[in-house]
Protein backbone atom coordinates (compact mmCIF):
# COMPACT_ATOMS: atom_id res chain seq x y z
CA UNK A 1 45.39 39.21 65.25
CA UNK A 2 47.38 40.46 61.96
CA UNK A 3 49.49 43.15 61.40
CA UNK A 4 50.95 45.10 64.23
CA UNK A 5 48.17 43.27 66.21
CA UNK A 6 51.02 40.31 66.20
CA UNK A 7 53.53 42.18 66.99
CA UNK A 8 52.09 44.12 69.99
CA UNK A 9 50.71 40.06 71.29
CA UNK A 10 55.04 39.49 71.10
CA UNK A 11 56.51 42.22 72.38
CA UNK A 12 53.61 42.18 75.76
CA UNK A 13 54.54 38.53 75.97
CA UNK A 14 58.30 39.28 75.69
CA UNK A 15 57.77 42.10 78.70
CA UNK A 16 55.79 39.88 80.99
CA UNK A 17 57.36 36.47 80.44
CA UNK A 18 53.98 34.85 79.87
CA UNK A 19 50.96 34.42 77.80
CA UNK A 20 48.53 34.86 80.80
CA UNK A 21 50.01 38.11 82.36
CA UNK A 22 50.38 39.82 79.03
CA UNK A 23 46.50 38.53 78.26
CA UNK A 24 46.06 40.27 81.44
CA UNK A 25 47.43 43.62 80.37
CA UNK A 26 45.94 43.20 77.14
CA UNK A 27 42.52 42.33 77.84
CA UNK A 28 43.08 39.47 75.83
CA UNK A 29 42.86 35.53 76.04
CA UNK A 30 46.44 33.83 76.50
CA UNK A 31 45.30 31.45 74.01
CA UNK A 32 44.45 34.34 71.30
CA UNK A 33 48.07 35.91 71.81
CA UNK A 34 49.94 32.40 71.65
CA UNK A 35 48.05 31.83 68.38
CA UNK A 36 49.12 35.46 66.83
CA UNK A 37 52.72 34.55 68.34
CA UNK A 38 52.84 31.60 66.41
CA UNK A 39 51.61 32.64 63.62
CA UNK A 40 54.05 35.57 63.79
CA UNK A 41 56.50 32.83 63.99
CA UNK A 42 55.79 31.40 60.75
CA UNK A 43 55.74 34.46 58.99
CA UNK A 44 59.24 35.16 60.00
CA UNK A 45 60.44 31.74 59.45
CA UNK A 46 62.47 32.28 63.08
CA UNK A 47 61.72 30.56 66.50
CA UNK A 48 60.91 33.67 69.31
CA UNK A 49 60.46 31.99 72.21
CA UNK A 50 61.37 28.71 73.67
CA UNK A 51 58.37 27.98 75.80
CA UNK A 52 57.51 25.84 79.10
CA UNK A 53 54.36 25.00 80.89
CA UNK A 54 54.96 28.58 83.19
CA UNK A 55 56.78 30.89 80.71
CA UNK A 56 58.30 31.49 77.58
CA UNK A 57 62.03 33.03 77.54
CA UNK A 58 62.79 35.13 74.52
CA UNK A 59 65.08 33.32 71.57
CA UNK A 60 68.10 35.08 69.95
CA UNK A 61 65.85 35.99 67.45
CA UNK A 62 63.37 36.78 69.54
CA UNK A 63 65.94 39.19 72.07
CA UNK A 64 66.69 41.21 68.42
CA UNK A 65 63.03 41.65 67.47
CA UNK A 66 61.75 42.60 70.56
CA UNK A 67 64.27 45.37 70.77
CA UNK A 68 62.75 46.88 67.91
CA UNK A 69 59.52 46.38 68.77
CA UNK A 70 59.47 48.38 71.64
CA UNK A 71 61.01 51.10 69.47
CA UNK A 72 58.38 51.08 66.61
CA UNK A 73 55.30 50.41 68.74
CA UNK A 74 56.49 53.28 71.28
CA UNK A 75 56.62 55.60 68.17
CA UNK A 76 53.08 54.28 66.67
CA UNK A 77 51.79 55.52 69.94
CA UNK A 78 53.07 58.60 69.75
CA UNK A 79 51.97 59.12 66.46
CA UNK A 80 48.50 57.88 67.23
CA UNK A 81 48.66 60.57 70.05
CA UNK A 82 49.91 63.22 67.02
CA UNK A 83 46.81 62.12 64.90
CA UNK A 84 44.19 62.53 67.77
CA UNK A 85 45.20 66.06 68.64
CA UNK A 86 45.97 64.90 71.70
CA UNK A 87 49.93 65.70 71.58
CA UNK A 88 49.39 69.00 72.95
CA UNK A 89 47.59 67.68 76.08
CA UNK A 90 50.16 64.76 77.65
CA UNK A 91 47.92 61.36 78.17
CA UNK A 92 48.74 57.43 78.53
CA UNK A 93 50.11 55.64 81.37
CA UNK A 94 53.76 57.34 81.90
CA UNK A 95 56.11 54.22 83.33
CA UNK A 96 58.94 55.59 85.39
CA UNK A 97 61.94 54.31 87.37
CA UNK A 98 63.48 55.56 90.16
CA UNK A 99 65.44 55.30 93.50
CA UNK A 100 63.00 54.41 96.22
CA UNK A 101 63.79 57.43 98.46
CA UNK A 102 64.70 59.99 95.59
CA UNK A 103 61.63 58.51 93.95
CA UNK A 104 59.55 59.04 97.23
CA UNK A 105 60.95 62.44 98.26
CA UNK A 106 61.60 64.24 94.94
CA UNK A 107 60.05 62.18 91.85
CA UNK A 108 56.80 61.49 93.27
CA UNK A 109 55.62 65.20 94.64
CA UNK A 110 56.60 65.97 90.46
CA UNK A 111 54.45 63.30 89.34
CA UNK A 112 51.20 64.52 91.42
CA UNK A 113 51.64 67.46 90.33
CA UNK A 114 51.61 66.44 86.07
CA UNK A 115 48.84 64.05 87.24
CA UNK A 116 46.64 67.08 88.85
CA UNK A 117 47.33 69.60 85.59
CA UNK A 118 46.79 66.81 82.94
CA UNK A 119 44.13 64.38 84.04
CA UNK A 120 44.89 62.26 81.18
CA UNK A 121 48.16 60.99 82.67
CA UNK A 122 47.94 57.50 84.39
CA UNK A 123 51.13 57.11 86.44
CA UNK A 124 53.24 53.41 86.91
CA UNK A 125 56.15 54.35 89.37
CA UNK A 126 58.62 51.67 90.21
CA UNK A 127 61.03 52.44 92.95
CA UNK A 128 63.69 50.24 93.30
CA UNK A 129 67.27 51.19 94.01
CA UNK A 130 68.53 48.35 91.15
CA UNK A 131 68.93 49.41 87.57
CA UNK A 132 65.90 48.42 85.66
CA UNK A 133 65.94 46.92 81.72
CA UNK A 134 64.45 50.04 80.08
CA UNK A 135 63.32 48.41 76.94
CA UNK A 136 62.20 44.99 78.24
CA UNK A 137 59.83 46.57 80.64
CA UNK A 138 58.85 49.20 78.90
CA UNK A 139 60.00 51.86 81.01
CA UNK A 140 59.68 55.13 79.44
CA UNK A 141 62.16 57.22 81.68
CA UNK A 142 64.21 56.27 84.98
CA UNK A 143 66.37 58.37 87.11
CA UNK A 144 69.42 56.86 87.56
CA UNK A 145 72.29 58.41 89.69
CA UNK A 146 76.12 58.45 89.22
CA UNK A 147 78.09 57.40 85.93
CA UNK A 148 75.99 55.61 83.60
CA UNK A 149 76.82 52.42 82.85
CA UNK A 150 74.65 51.91 79.35
CA UNK A 151 76.02 54.50 76.76
CA UNK A 152 73.43 53.31 74.76
CA UNK A 153 70.74 54.88 76.52
CA UNK A 154 69.31 59.11 75.51
CA UNK A 155 70.36 60.43 78.84
CA UNK A 156 69.77 64.18 80.06
CA UNK A 157 71.71 65.40 83.36
CA UNK A 158 68.76 66.77 85.80
CA UNK A 159 70.86 67.71 88.59
CA UNK A 160 73.32 66.58 91.22
CA UNK A 161 73.79 64.45 94.56
CA UNK A 162 76.13 65.95 97.25
CA UNK A 163 77.32 63.40 99.10
CA UNK A 164 77.27 63.97 103.16
CA UNK A 165 78.89 62.09 105.99
CA UNK A 166 77.17 62.17 109.66
CA UNK A 167 76.23 61.15 113.16
CA UNK A 168 74.26 61.48 115.92
CA UNK A 169 74.96 63.98 118.12
CA UNK A 170 74.32 61.12 121.19
CA UNK A 171 76.92 58.92 118.99
CA UNK A 172 79.47 62.51 119.21
CA UNK A 173 79.48 62.44 123.07
CA UNK A 174 80.06 59.10 123.24
CA UNK A 175 82.89 58.64 120.76
CA UNK A 176 83.79 62.14 119.87
CA UNK A 177 83.85 63.87 116.44
CA UNK A 178 86.57 62.47 113.98
CA UNK A 179 88.84 65.49 112.48
CA UNK A 180 90.46 63.80 109.79
CA UNK A 181 89.65 60.86 107.06
CA UNK A 182 92.53 58.71 108.68
CA UNK A 183 90.24 59.14 112.28
CA UNK A 184 87.21 57.40 110.89
CA UNK A 185 89.24 54.02 111.34
CA UNK A 186 88.32 53.95 115.08
CA UNK A 187 84.96 55.47 114.72
CA UNK A 188 81.42 52.27 113.91
CA UNK A 189 80.60 52.54 109.98
CA UNK A 190 76.84 51.95 109.22
CA UNK A 191 76.67 51.21 105.07
CA UNK A 192 74.65 50.71 102.12
CA UNK A 193 74.82 47.61 100.87
CA UNK A 194 74.41 47.58 97.07
CA UNK A 195 71.41 45.79 95.63
CA UNK A 196 73.71 44.48 92.38
CA UNK A 197 76.63 43.31 94.16
CA UNK A 198 75.47 42.69 97.79
CA UNK A 199 78.70 44.78 98.71
CA UNK A 200 79.20 47.70 100.94
CA UNK A 201 79.37 50.88 99.18
CA UNK A 202 82.65 52.59 99.47
CA UNK A 203 82.66 56.29 101.14
CA UNK A 204 83.96 58.96 99.06
CA UNK A 205 86.20 61.84 100.10
CA UNK A 206 88.49 64.45 98.52
CA UNK A 207 91.83 65.52 100.15
CA UNK A 208 93.62 68.78 98.78
CA UNK A 209 91.56 68.23 95.27
CA UNK A 210 92.34 64.73 94.81
CA UNK A 211 89.35 61.69 95.41
CA UNK A 212 89.92 59.30 98.11
CA UNK A 213 88.02 56.30 98.35
CA UNK A 214 88.07 53.77 101.75
CA UNK A 215 85.66 50.95 102.45
CA UNK A 216 85.40 51.17 106.50
CA UNK A 217 85.13 47.91 108.35
CA UNK A 218 81.09 47.93 108.96
CA UNK A 219 79.18 47.41 112.06
CA UNK A 220 75.73 47.91 110.25
CA UNK A 221 75.06 46.94 106.68
CA UNK A 222 71.31 47.83 105.53
CA UNK A 223 70.10 47.85 101.67
CA UNK A 224 67.76 50.46 102.47
CA UNK A 225 68.25 54.30 102.20
CA UNK A 226 65.98 55.62 104.55
CA UNK A 227 66.55 52.74 107.06
CA UNK A 228 70.39 53.58 106.90
CA UNK A 229 69.35 57.56 108.23
CA UNK A 230 67.47 55.63 110.25
CA UNK A 231 70.18 53.46 112.28
CA UNK A 232 72.64 56.69 112.38
CA UNK A 233 69.91 58.81 113.69
CA UNK A 234 69.69 56.10 116.69
CA UNK A 235 73.45 56.25 117.07
CA UNK A 236 74.90 53.37 115.26
CA UNK A 237 77.50 55.15 114.11
CA UNK A 238 78.83 56.87 111.02
CA UNK A 239 77.06 57.19 107.53
CA UNK A 240 77.43 58.52 104.12
CA UNK A 241 74.48 59.82 102.66
CA UNK A 242 73.08 61.83 99.86
CA UNK A 243 72.62 64.70 101.16
CA UNK A 244 68.45 65.48 100.18
CA UNK A 245 68.05 62.15 102.69
CA UNK A 246 69.43 63.95 105.62
CA UNK A 247 69.07 67.72 105.12
CA UNK A 248 65.94 67.93 107.45
CA UNK A 249 67.81 66.00 110.25
CA UNK A 250 70.64 67.99 109.62
CA UNK A 251 68.29 71.31 109.81
CA UNK A 252 66.67 70.05 112.93
CA UNK A 253 70.36 68.86 114.80
CA UNK A 254 69.12 65.39 114.32
CA UNK A 255 72.31 64.55 112.72
CA UNK A 256 75.57 66.37 112.38
CA UNK A 257 77.67 66.87 109.36
CA UNK A 258 81.41 65.43 109.46
CA UNK A 259 84.37 66.86 107.32
CA UNK A 260 82.38 68.83 105.35
CA UNK A 261 85.52 70.21 103.45
CA UNK A 262 86.28 66.77 102.58
CA UNK A 263 82.71 66.29 100.53
CA UNK A 264 83.49 64.28 97.52
CA UNK A 265 82.45 65.96 94.23
CA UNK A 266 78.55 65.37 93.58
CA UNK A 267 77.02 63.02 91.57
CA UNK A 268 75.11 63.45 88.16
CA UNK A 269 71.87 62.46 88.21
CA UNK A 270 70.54 61.84 84.86
CA UNK A 271 67.20 60.93 83.15
CA UNK A 272 67.43 58.20 80.46
CA UNK A 273 65.41 56.86 78.04
CA UNK A 274 64.98 53.68 75.36
CA UNK A 275 67.18 54.94 72.64
CA UNK A 276 65.94 55.62 68.84
CA UNK A 277 62.54 56.41 69.82
CA UNK A 278 60.35 59.47 69.67
CA UNK A 279 59.61 61.46 73.25
CA UNK A 280 55.82 61.08 74.01
CA UNK A 281 54.45 64.69 74.87
CA UNK A 282 53.63 62.44 78.82
CA UNK A 283 57.34 62.03 78.54
CA UNK A 284 58.33 65.85 77.93
CA UNK A 285 56.32 67.08 80.59
CA UNK A 286 58.57 65.28 83.26
CA UNK A 287 61.55 66.18 81.53
CA UNK A 288 61.07 69.69 81.80
CA UNK A 289 60.13 69.60 85.17
CA UNK A 290 62.80 67.22 86.46
CA UNK A 291 65.12 69.50 84.71
CA UNK A 292 63.33 72.75 86.22
CA UNK A 293 63.88 71.03 89.41
CA UNK A 294 67.59 70.41 88.84
CA UNK A 295 68.01 74.20 87.96
CA UNK A 296 66.05 75.37 91.17
CA UNK A 297 68.12 73.07 93.44
CA UNK A 298 71.55 74.03 91.37
């Protein structure tokens, strides 16, 4: 492997954390990749990986090179598509990261339609409530809810997420419905456990135009959004959930919204992409579909 291929070998190895996994992705032999990376290290005069018998970890020099490689290789891929005359027809593997329930209910139907319209597209959808490292994991686009923590990412707002406090009719028949924020202290709370910290996500409200935050004593903690909906429907207590997760249940009378006048301001929903690279056609069509969905729901 020479020239650009050596950088491809390096980038795939960095992404997967081992020569064997990278070789499977590229359809090559691990020894071939290892030799290519070794030649690249010799040519650059730096050590790119700390090697063990089972995995490789990026050195400080390797981290810096990997950040640049991701951008450059992505642009090369897009230039190749343009030169082949395929830019107008989105193709290739579209790597998307999204929250679990939003991904299933909103993103996946959009992707299914894109694949139907553009047969050359291949999908790699990662559903998780944590945040992926877009550059390291080679993600084309991620959907993020709330304020963005990484200002280096390229972001485009695609919608908003309203939060709804709700309970089941059976629970309310037993315990009564709270009429004020203060009365929530006398009720059982079902809370979402944040995947990054393990802590309960605070409940957010607005009272007379001002934000109010509280962390209710939790009778039940659940780390999955759909599990949270099921727990509330089973009468285990009150929960604050994204509206798109419970709109069907509220419409069917299976759940009841509480304190609607105290709803907090909606959270922004953004599509984020790695910085400093061209936007391939496969990503642009998804961006356009997400933006159109946001305009319809708004």
